[in-house]
Amino acid sequence: MMGAPVDDPVELMLERAPLSFSVTVLSNRDSSGSEVEIIRLPAGESTAVEDELRLAWPPGVFSLSHIAIPFRPADPLYGDGSATESGATESRLVLGAIAPRGERSVLALTPNYFLRLRYNPFYDFQATKIQSWLGRLEKE
Protein backbone atom coordinates (compact mmCIF):
# COMPACT_ATOMS: atom_id res chain seq x y z
CA MET A 1 0.00 0.00 0.00
CA MET A 2 1.36 3.40 -0.94
CA GLY A 3 1.40 6.29 1.49
CA ALA A 4 0.31 9.84 0.89
CA PRO A 5 2.22 11.84 -1.73
CA VAL A 6 5.34 13.55 -0.43
CA ASP A 7 5.28 17.32 -0.80
CA ASP A 8 8.78 17.85 0.54
CA PRO A 9 11.28 14.97 0.36
CA VAL A 10 13.75 16.91 2.54
CA GLU A 11 11.17 17.21 5.29
CA LEU A 12 10.44 13.49 5.01
CA MET A 13 14.10 12.47 5.29
CA LEU A 14 14.60 14.74 8.30
CA GLU A 15 11.53 13.29 10.03
CA ARG A 16 12.99 9.81 9.63
CA ALA A 17 16.57 10.72 10.58
CA PRO A 18 18.94 9.36 11.64
CA LEU A 19 19.17 6.87 8.78
CA SER A 20 21.66 4.07 8.18
CA PHE A 21 22.50 5.53 4.75
CA SER A 22 23.16 8.96 3.26
CA VAL A 23 20.53 10.83 1.27
CA THR A 24 21.24 13.60 -1.22
CA VAL A 25 18.47 15.76 -2.68
CA LEU A 26 18.86 18.29 -5.47
CA SER A 27 16.24 20.94 -4.83
CA ASN A 28 15.33 24.43 -5.93
CA ARG A 29 17.11 26.98 -3.76
CA ASP A 30 13.85 28.93 -3.47
CA SER A 31 10.40 28.84 -5.02
CA SER A 32 10.93 31.80 -7.33
CA GLY A 33 14.32 31.05 -8.86
CA SER A 34 15.88 28.45 -11.12
CA GLU A 35 19.02 27.77 -9.04
CA VAL A 36 19.34 24.35 -7.43
CA GLU A 37 21.16 23.31 -4.28
CA ILE A 38 22.28 20.07 -2.68
CA ILE A 39 20.72 19.05 0.60
CA ARG A 40 22.57 16.10 2.09
CA LEU A 41 21.78 14.03 5.15
CA PRO A 42 24.83 11.95 6.07
CA ALA A 43 24.28 8.44 7.42
CA GLY A 44 23.64 8.44 11.17
CA GLU A 45 23.08 12.21 11.31
CA SER A 46 19.92 14.16 12.13
CA THR A 47 20.93 17.48 10.59
CA ALA A 48 21.06 18.12 6.86
CA VAL A 49 23.89 20.02 5.19
CA GLU A 50 23.09 22.44 2.36
CA ASP A 51 25.62 23.23 -0.37
CA GLU A 52 25.46 25.65 -3.26
CA LEU A 53 25.61 23.75 -6.53
CA ARG A 54 26.06 26.61 -9.03
CA LEU A 55 23.60 24.92 -11.38
CA ALA A 56 20.18 26.04 -12.54
CA TRP A 57 17.26 24.65 -14.47
CA PRO A 58 17.55 25.42 -18.18
CA PRO A 59 15.04 27.98 -19.50
CA GLY A 60 11.60 26.43 -19.90
CA VAL A 61 12.42 23.38 -17.75
CA PHE A 62 10.88 23.09 -14.31
CA SER A 63 11.12 19.43 -13.31
CA LEU A 64 12.94 16.21 -14.09
CA SER A 65 11.18 13.05 -15.22
CA HIS A 66 12.48 9.72 -13.96
CA ILE A 67 12.98 8.58 -17.55
CA ALA A 68 15.41 11.47 -18.09
CA ILE A 69 17.88 10.50 -15.37
CA PRO A 70 20.31 8.40 -17.47
CA PHE A 71 20.44 10.67 -20.53
CA ARG A 72 22.81 13.61 -21.00
CA PRO A 73 21.59 16.74 -22.81
CA ALA A 74 23.82 15.88 -25.79
CA ASP A 75 22.35 12.38 -26.19
CA PRO A 76 21.69 12.01 -29.94
CA LEU A 77 18.21 10.49 -29.48
CA TYR A 78 16.84 11.62 -26.10
CA GLY A 79 18.83 14.84 -25.65
CA ASP A 80 17.97 18.48 -26.17
CA GLY A 81 18.94 18.47 -29.83
CA SER A 82 22.39 19.97 -29.27
CA ALA A 83 24.28 16.79 -30.22
CA THR A 84 26.03 16.93 -33.55
CA GLU A 85 27.73 14.13 -35.37
CA SER A 86 30.82 15.00 -37.36
CA GLY A 87 29.92 15.49 -40.99
CA ALA A 88 26.17 15.09 -40.39
CA THR A 89 24.16 17.32 -42.68
CA GLU A 90 20.76 15.66 -42.58
CA SER A 91 18.13 16.30 -39.97
CA ARG A 92 17.31 13.51 -37.56
CA LEU A 93 14.66 12.65 -35.04
CA VAL A 94 15.52 13.78 -31.52
CA LEU A 95 12.89 12.51 -29.10
CA GLY A 96 14.04 14.90 -26.40
CA ALA A 97 13.36 17.94 -28.58
CA ILE A 98 10.12 17.02 -30.35
CA ALA A 99 7.61 19.85 -30.45
CA PRO A 100 4.80 18.63 -32.71
CA ARG A 101 2.35 21.14 -34.10
CA GLY A 102 -0.82 20.45 -35.98
CA GLU A 103 -4.46 19.54 -35.69
CA ARG A 104 -5.79 17.99 -32.46
CA SER A 105 -6.54 14.27 -32.27
CA VAL A 106 -4.38 13.41 -35.28
CA LEU A 107 -1.57 11.79 -33.27
CA ALA A 108 -2.08 8.62 -31.25
CA LEU A 109 -0.13 10.22 -28.38
CA THR A 110 -1.50 13.08 -26.34
CA PRO A 111 0.29 16.45 -26.37
CA ASN A 112 1.22 15.86 -22.70
CA TYR A 113 3.48 13.02 -23.81
CA PHE A 114 5.71 15.47 -25.68
CA LEU A 115 6.05 17.81 -22.71
CA ARG A 116 8.00 15.26 -20.66
CA LEU A 117 11.69 16.03 -20.33
CA ARG A 118 13.72 13.17 -21.81
CA TYR A 119 17.22 14.24 -20.75
CA ASN A 120 18.85 15.18 -17.47
CA PRO A 121 20.15 18.78 -17.40
CA PHE A 122 22.19 17.79 -14.33
CA TYR A 123 23.69 14.70 -15.96
CA ASP A 124 27.31 15.87 -15.60
CA PHE A 125 26.84 16.43 -11.86
CA GLN A 126 25.26 12.99 -11.52
CA ALA A 127 27.98 11.27 -13.56
CA THR A 128 30.73 12.89 -11.48
CA LYS A 129 29.10 11.73 -8.23
CA ILE A 130 28.66 8.17 -9.53
CA GLN A 131 32.27 8.00 -10.78
CA SER A 132 33.51 9.27 -7.42
CA TRP A 133 31.46 6.65 -5.59
CA LEU A 134 32.70 3.88 -7.89
CA GLY A 135 36.27 5.04 -7.33
CA ARG A 136 35.80 4.73 -3.57
CA LEU A 137 34.38 1.21 -4.02
CA GLU A 138 37.42 0.14 -6.03
CA LYS A 139 39.72 1.23 -3.20
CA GLU A 140 37.88 -0.88 -0.62
C-alpha atoms as a PDB file:
ATOM      1  CA  MET A   1       0.000   0.000   0.000  1.00  0.00           C
ATOM      2  CA  MET A   2       1.365   3.401  -0.944  1.00  0.00           C
ATOM      3  CA  GLY A   3       1.398   6.289   1.488  1.00  0.00           C
ATOM      4  CA  ALA A   4       0.307   9.844   0.895  1.00  0.00           C
ATOM      5  CA  PRO A   5       2.218  11.840  -1.732  1.00  0.00           C
ATOM      6  CA  VAL A   6       5.338  13.550  -0.431  1.00  0.00           C
ATOM      7  CA  ASP A   7       5.276  17.325  -0.797  1.00  0.00           C
ATOM      8  CA  ASP A   8       8.777  17.847   0.544  1.00  0.00           C
ATOM      9  CA  PRO A   9      11.282  14.966   0.365  1.00  0.00           C
ATOM     10  CA  VAL A  10      13.746  16.911   2.536  1.00  0.00           C
ATOM     11  CA  GLU A  11      11.166  17.206   5.295  1.00  0.00           C
ATOM     12  CA  LEU A  12      10.436  13.485   5.012  1.00  0.00           C
ATOM     13  CA  MET A  13      14.105  12.468   5.292  1.00  0.00           C
ATOM     14  CA  LEU A  14      14.597  14.743   8.302  1.00  0.00           C
ATOM     15  CA  GLU A  15      11.526  13.295  10.027  1.00  0.00           C
ATOM     16  CA  ARG A  16      12.993   9.807   9.630  1.00  0.00           C
ATOM     17  CA  ALA A  17      16.572  10.721  10.577  1.00  0.00           C
ATOM     18  CA  PRO A  18      18.945   9.357  11.639  1.00  0.00           C
ATOM     19  CA  LEU A  19      19.166   6.871   8.778  1.00  0.00           C
ATOM     20  CA  SER A  20      21.655   4.066   8.176  1.00  0.00           C
ATOM     21  CA  PHE A  21      22.497   5.529   4.749  1.00  0.00           C
ATOM     22  CA  SER A  22      23.164   8.958   3.264  1.00  0.00           C
ATOM     23  CA  VAL A  23      20.529  10.826   1.269  1.00  0.00           C
ATOM     24  CA  THR A  24      21.238  13.605  -1.215  1.00  0.00           C
ATOM     25  CA  VAL A  25      18.470  15.756  -2.685  1.00  0.00           C
ATOM     26  CA  LEU A  26      18.856  18.292  -5.467  1.00  0.00           C
ATOM     27  CA  SER A  27      16.242  20.942  -4.829  1.00  0.00           C
ATOM     28  CA  ASN A  28      15.335  24.427  -5.935  1.00  0.00           C
ATOM     29  CA  ARG A  29      17.108  26.984  -3.759  1.00  0.00           C
ATOM     30  CA  ASP A  30      13.850  28.931  -3.473  1.00  0.00           C
ATOM     31  CA  SER A  31      10.396  28.842  -5.018  1.00  0.00           C
ATOM     32  CA  SER A  32      10.931  31.804  -7.328  1.00  0.00           C
ATOM     33  CA  GLY A  33      14.325  31.046  -8.857  1.00  0.00           C
ATOM     34  CA  SER A  34      15.883  28.452 -11.116  1.00  0.00           C
ATOM     35  CA  GLU A  35      19.019  27.774  -9.039  1.00  0.00           C
ATOM     36  CA  VAL A  36      19.337  24.350  -7.428  1.00  0.00           C
ATOM     37  CA  GLU A  37      21.156  23.311  -4.275  1.00  0.00           C
ATOM     38  CA  ILE A  38      22.282  20.072  -2.679  1.00  0.00           C
ATOM     39  CA  ILE A  39      20.716  19.046   0.595  1.00  0.00           C
ATOM     40  CA  ARG A  40      22.574  16.097   2.091  1.00  0.00           C
ATOM     41  CA  LEU A  41      21.777  14.031   5.149  1.00  0.00           C
ATOM     42  CA  PRO A  42      24.834  11.947   6.071  1.00  0.00           C
ATOM     43  CA  ALA A  43      24.276   8.437   7.422  1.00  0.00           C
ATOM     44  CA  GLY A  44      23.637   8.443  11.169  1.00  0.00           C
ATOM     45  CA  GLU A  45      23.076  12.208  11.309  1.00  0.00           C
ATOM     46  CA  SER A  46      19.917  14.161  12.128  1.00  0.00           C
ATOM     47  CA  THR A  47      20.929  17.484  10.593  1.00  0.00           C
ATOM     48  CA  ALA A  48      21.059  18.123   6.858  1.00  0.00           C
ATOM     49  CA  VAL A  49      23.889  20.022   5.186  1.00  0.00           C
ATOM     50  CA  GLU A  50      23.092  22.443   2.357  1.00  0.00           C
ATOM     51  CA  ASP A  51      25.618  23.229  -0.367  1.00  0.00           C
ATOM     52  CA  GLU A  52      25.465  25.645  -3.256  1.00  0.00           C
ATOM     53  CA  LEU A  53      25.611  23.754  -6.533  1.00  0.00           C
ATOM     54  CA  ARG A  54      26.061  26.608  -9.026  1.00  0.00           C
ATOM     55  CA  LEU A  55      23.604  24.924 -11.384  1.00  0.00           C
ATOM     56  CA  ALA A  56      20.184  26.043 -12.539  1.00  0.00           C
ATOM     57  CA  TRP A  57      17.265  24.648 -14.467  1.00  0.00           C
ATOM     58  CA  PRO A  58      17.549  25.424 -18.184  1.00  0.00           C
ATOM     59  CA  PRO A  59      15.037  27.980 -19.503  1.00  0.00           C
ATOM     60  CA  GLY A  60      11.601  26.426 -19.905  1.00  0.00           C
ATOM     61  CA  VAL A  61      12.424  23.378 -17.753  1.00  0.00           C
ATOM     62  CA  PHE A  62      10.878  23.090 -14.306  1.00  0.00           C
ATOM     63  CA  SER A  63      11.123  19.434 -13.309  1.00  0.00           C
ATOM     64  CA  LEU A  64      12.937  16.207 -14.085  1.00  0.00           C
ATOM     65  CA  SER A  65      11.180  13.048 -15.220  1.00  0.00           C
ATOM     66  CA  HIS A  66      12.479   9.718 -13.955  1.00  0.00           C
ATOM     67  CA  ILE A  67      12.984   8.582 -17.551  1.00  0.00           C
ATOM     68  CA  ALA A  68      15.407  11.471 -18.090  1.00  0.00           C
ATOM     69  CA  ILE A  69      17.883  10.501 -15.371  1.00  0.00           C
ATOM     70  CA  PRO A  70      20.312   8.395 -17.467  1.00  0.00           C
ATOM     71  CA  PHE A  71      20.442  10.667 -20.531  1.00  0.00           C
ATOM     72  CA  ARG A  72      22.811  13.608 -21.002  1.00  0.00           C
ATOM     73  CA  PRO A  73      21.589  16.742 -22.812  1.00  0.00           C
ATOM     74  CA  ALA A  74      23.817  15.879 -25.792  1.00  0.00           C
ATOM     75  CA  ASP A  75      22.353  12.379 -26.192  1.00  0.00           C
ATOM     76  CA  PRO A  76      21.686  12.015 -29.936  1.00  0.00           C
ATOM     77  CA  LEU A  77      18.213  10.488 -29.483  1.00  0.00           C
ATOM     78  CA  TYR A  78      16.844  11.624 -26.103  1.00  0.00           C
ATOM     79  CA  GLY A  79      18.827  14.845 -25.646  1.00  0.00           C
ATOM     80  CA  ASP A  80      17.965  18.482 -26.166  1.00  0.00           C
ATOM     81  CA  GLY A  81      18.942  18.475 -29.834  1.00  0.00           C
ATOM     82  CA  SER A  82      22.390  19.975 -29.270  1.00  0.00           C
ATOM     83  CA  ALA A  83      24.282  16.795 -30.223  1.00  0.00           C
ATOM     84  CA  THR A  84      26.029  16.926 -33.550  1.00  0.00           C
ATOM     85  CA  GLU A  85      27.731  14.134 -35.372  1.00  0.00           C
ATOM     86  CA  SER A  86      30.820  15.003 -37.357  1.00  0.00           C
ATOM     87  CA  GLY A  87      29.918  15.485 -40.987  1.00  0.00           C
ATOM     88  CA  ALA A  88      26.173  15.086 -40.395  1.00  0.00           C
ATOM     89  CA  THR A  89      24.159  17.325 -42.684  1.00  0.00           C
ATOM     90  CA  GLU A  90      20.763  15.659 -42.575  1.00  0.00           C
ATOM     91  CA  SER A  91      18.133  16.300 -39.970  1.00  0.00           C
ATOM     92  CA  ARG A  92      17.314  13.508 -37.556  1.00  0.00           C
ATOM     93  CA  LEU A  93      14.658  12.648 -35.041  1.00  0.00           C
ATOM     94  CA  VAL A  94      15.520  13.779 -31.517  1.00  0.00           C
ATOM     95  CA  LEU A  95      12.885  12.510 -29.098  1.00  0.00           C
ATOM     96  CA  GLY A  96      14.040  14.905 -26.398  1.00  0.00           C
ATOM     97  CA  ALA A  97      13.357  17.936 -28.579  1.00  0.00           C
ATOM     98  CA  ILE A  98      10.119  17.022 -30.354  1.00  0.00           C
ATOM     99  CA  ALA A  99       7.608  19.853 -30.450  1.00  0.00           C
ATOM    100  CA  PRO A 100       4.797  18.635 -32.708  1.00  0.00           C
ATOM    101  CA  ARG A 101       2.352  21.141 -34.098  1.00  0.00           C
ATOM    102  CA  GLY A 102      -0.823  20.446 -35.980  1.00  0.00           C
ATOM    103  CA  GLU A 103      -4.458  19.540 -35.687  1.00  0.00           C
ATOM    104  CA  ARG A 104      -5.789  17.994 -32.465  1.00  0.00           C
ATOM    105  CA  SER A 105      -6.542  14.269 -32.271  1.00  0.00           C
ATOM    106  CA  VAL A 106      -4.379  13.407 -35.281  1.00  0.00           C
ATOM    107  CA  LEU A 107      -1.573  11.793 -33.269  1.00  0.00           C
ATOM    108  CA  ALA A 108      -2.080   8.624 -31.249  1.00  0.00           C
ATOM    109  CA  LEU A 109      -0.126  10.218 -28.380  1.00  0.00           C
ATOM    110  CA  THR A 110      -1.502  13.083 -26.337  1.00  0.00           C
ATOM    111  CA  PRO A 111       0.294  16.447 -26.367  1.00  0.00           C
ATOM    112  CA  ASN A 112       1.220  15.861 -22.705  1.00  0.00           C
ATOM    113  CA  TYR A 113       3.478  13.021 -23.814  1.00  0.00           C
ATOM    114  CA  PHE A 114       5.706  15.467 -25.679  1.00  0.00           C
ATOM    115  CA  LEU A 115       6.050  17.809 -22.706  1.00  0.00           C
ATOM    116  CA  ARG A 116       7.998  15.258 -20.664  1.00  0.00           C
ATOM    117  CA  LEU A 117      11.693  16.025 -20.331  1.00  0.00           C
ATOM    118  CA  ARG A 118      13.719  13.171 -21.813  1.00  0.00           C
ATOM    119  CA  TYR A 119      17.217  14.244 -20.749  1.00  0.00           C
ATOM    120  CA  ASN A 120      18.846  15.185 -17.466  1.00  0.00           C
ATOM    121  CA  PRO A 121      20.147  18.775 -17.399  1.00  0.00           C
ATOM    122  CA  PHE A 122      22.190  17.794 -14.329  1.00  0.00           C
ATOM    123  CA  TYR A 123      23.692  14.701 -15.962  1.00  0.00           C
ATOM    124  CA  ASP A 124      27.314  15.866 -15.597  1.00  0.00           C
ATOM    125  CA  PHE A 125      26.838  16.430 -11.860  1.00  0.00           C
ATOM    126  CA  GLN A 126      25.257  12.991 -11.517  1.00  0.00           C
ATOM    127  CA  ALA A 127      27.983  11.266 -13.560  1.00  0.00           C
ATOM    128  CA  THR A 128      30.729  12.893 -11.480  1.00  0.00           C
ATOM    129  CA  LYS A 129      29.101  11.729  -8.235  1.00  0.00           C
ATOM    130  CA  ILE A 130      28.665   8.173  -9.532  1.00  0.00           C
ATOM    131  CA  GLN A 131      32.268   8.000 -10.778  1.00  0.00           C
ATOM    132  CA  SER A 132      33.511   9.270  -7.422  1.00  0.00           C
ATOM    133  CA  TRP A 133      31.461   6.646  -5.592  1.00  0.00           C
ATOM    134  CA  LEU A 134      32.697   3.876  -7.890  1.00  0.00           C
ATOM    135  CA  GLY A 135      36.272   5.039  -7.330  1.00  0.00           C
ATOM    136  CA  ARG A 136      35.797   4.728  -3.571  1.00  0.00           C
ATOM    137  CA  LEU A 137      34.378   1.214  -4.016  1.00  0.00           C
ATOM    138  CA  GLU A 138      37.419   0.141  -6.031  1.00  0.00           C
ATOM    139  CA  LYS A 139      39.718   1.229  -3.202  1.00  0.00           C
ATOM    140  CA  GLU A 140      37.880  -0.879  -0.622  1.00  0.00           C
END
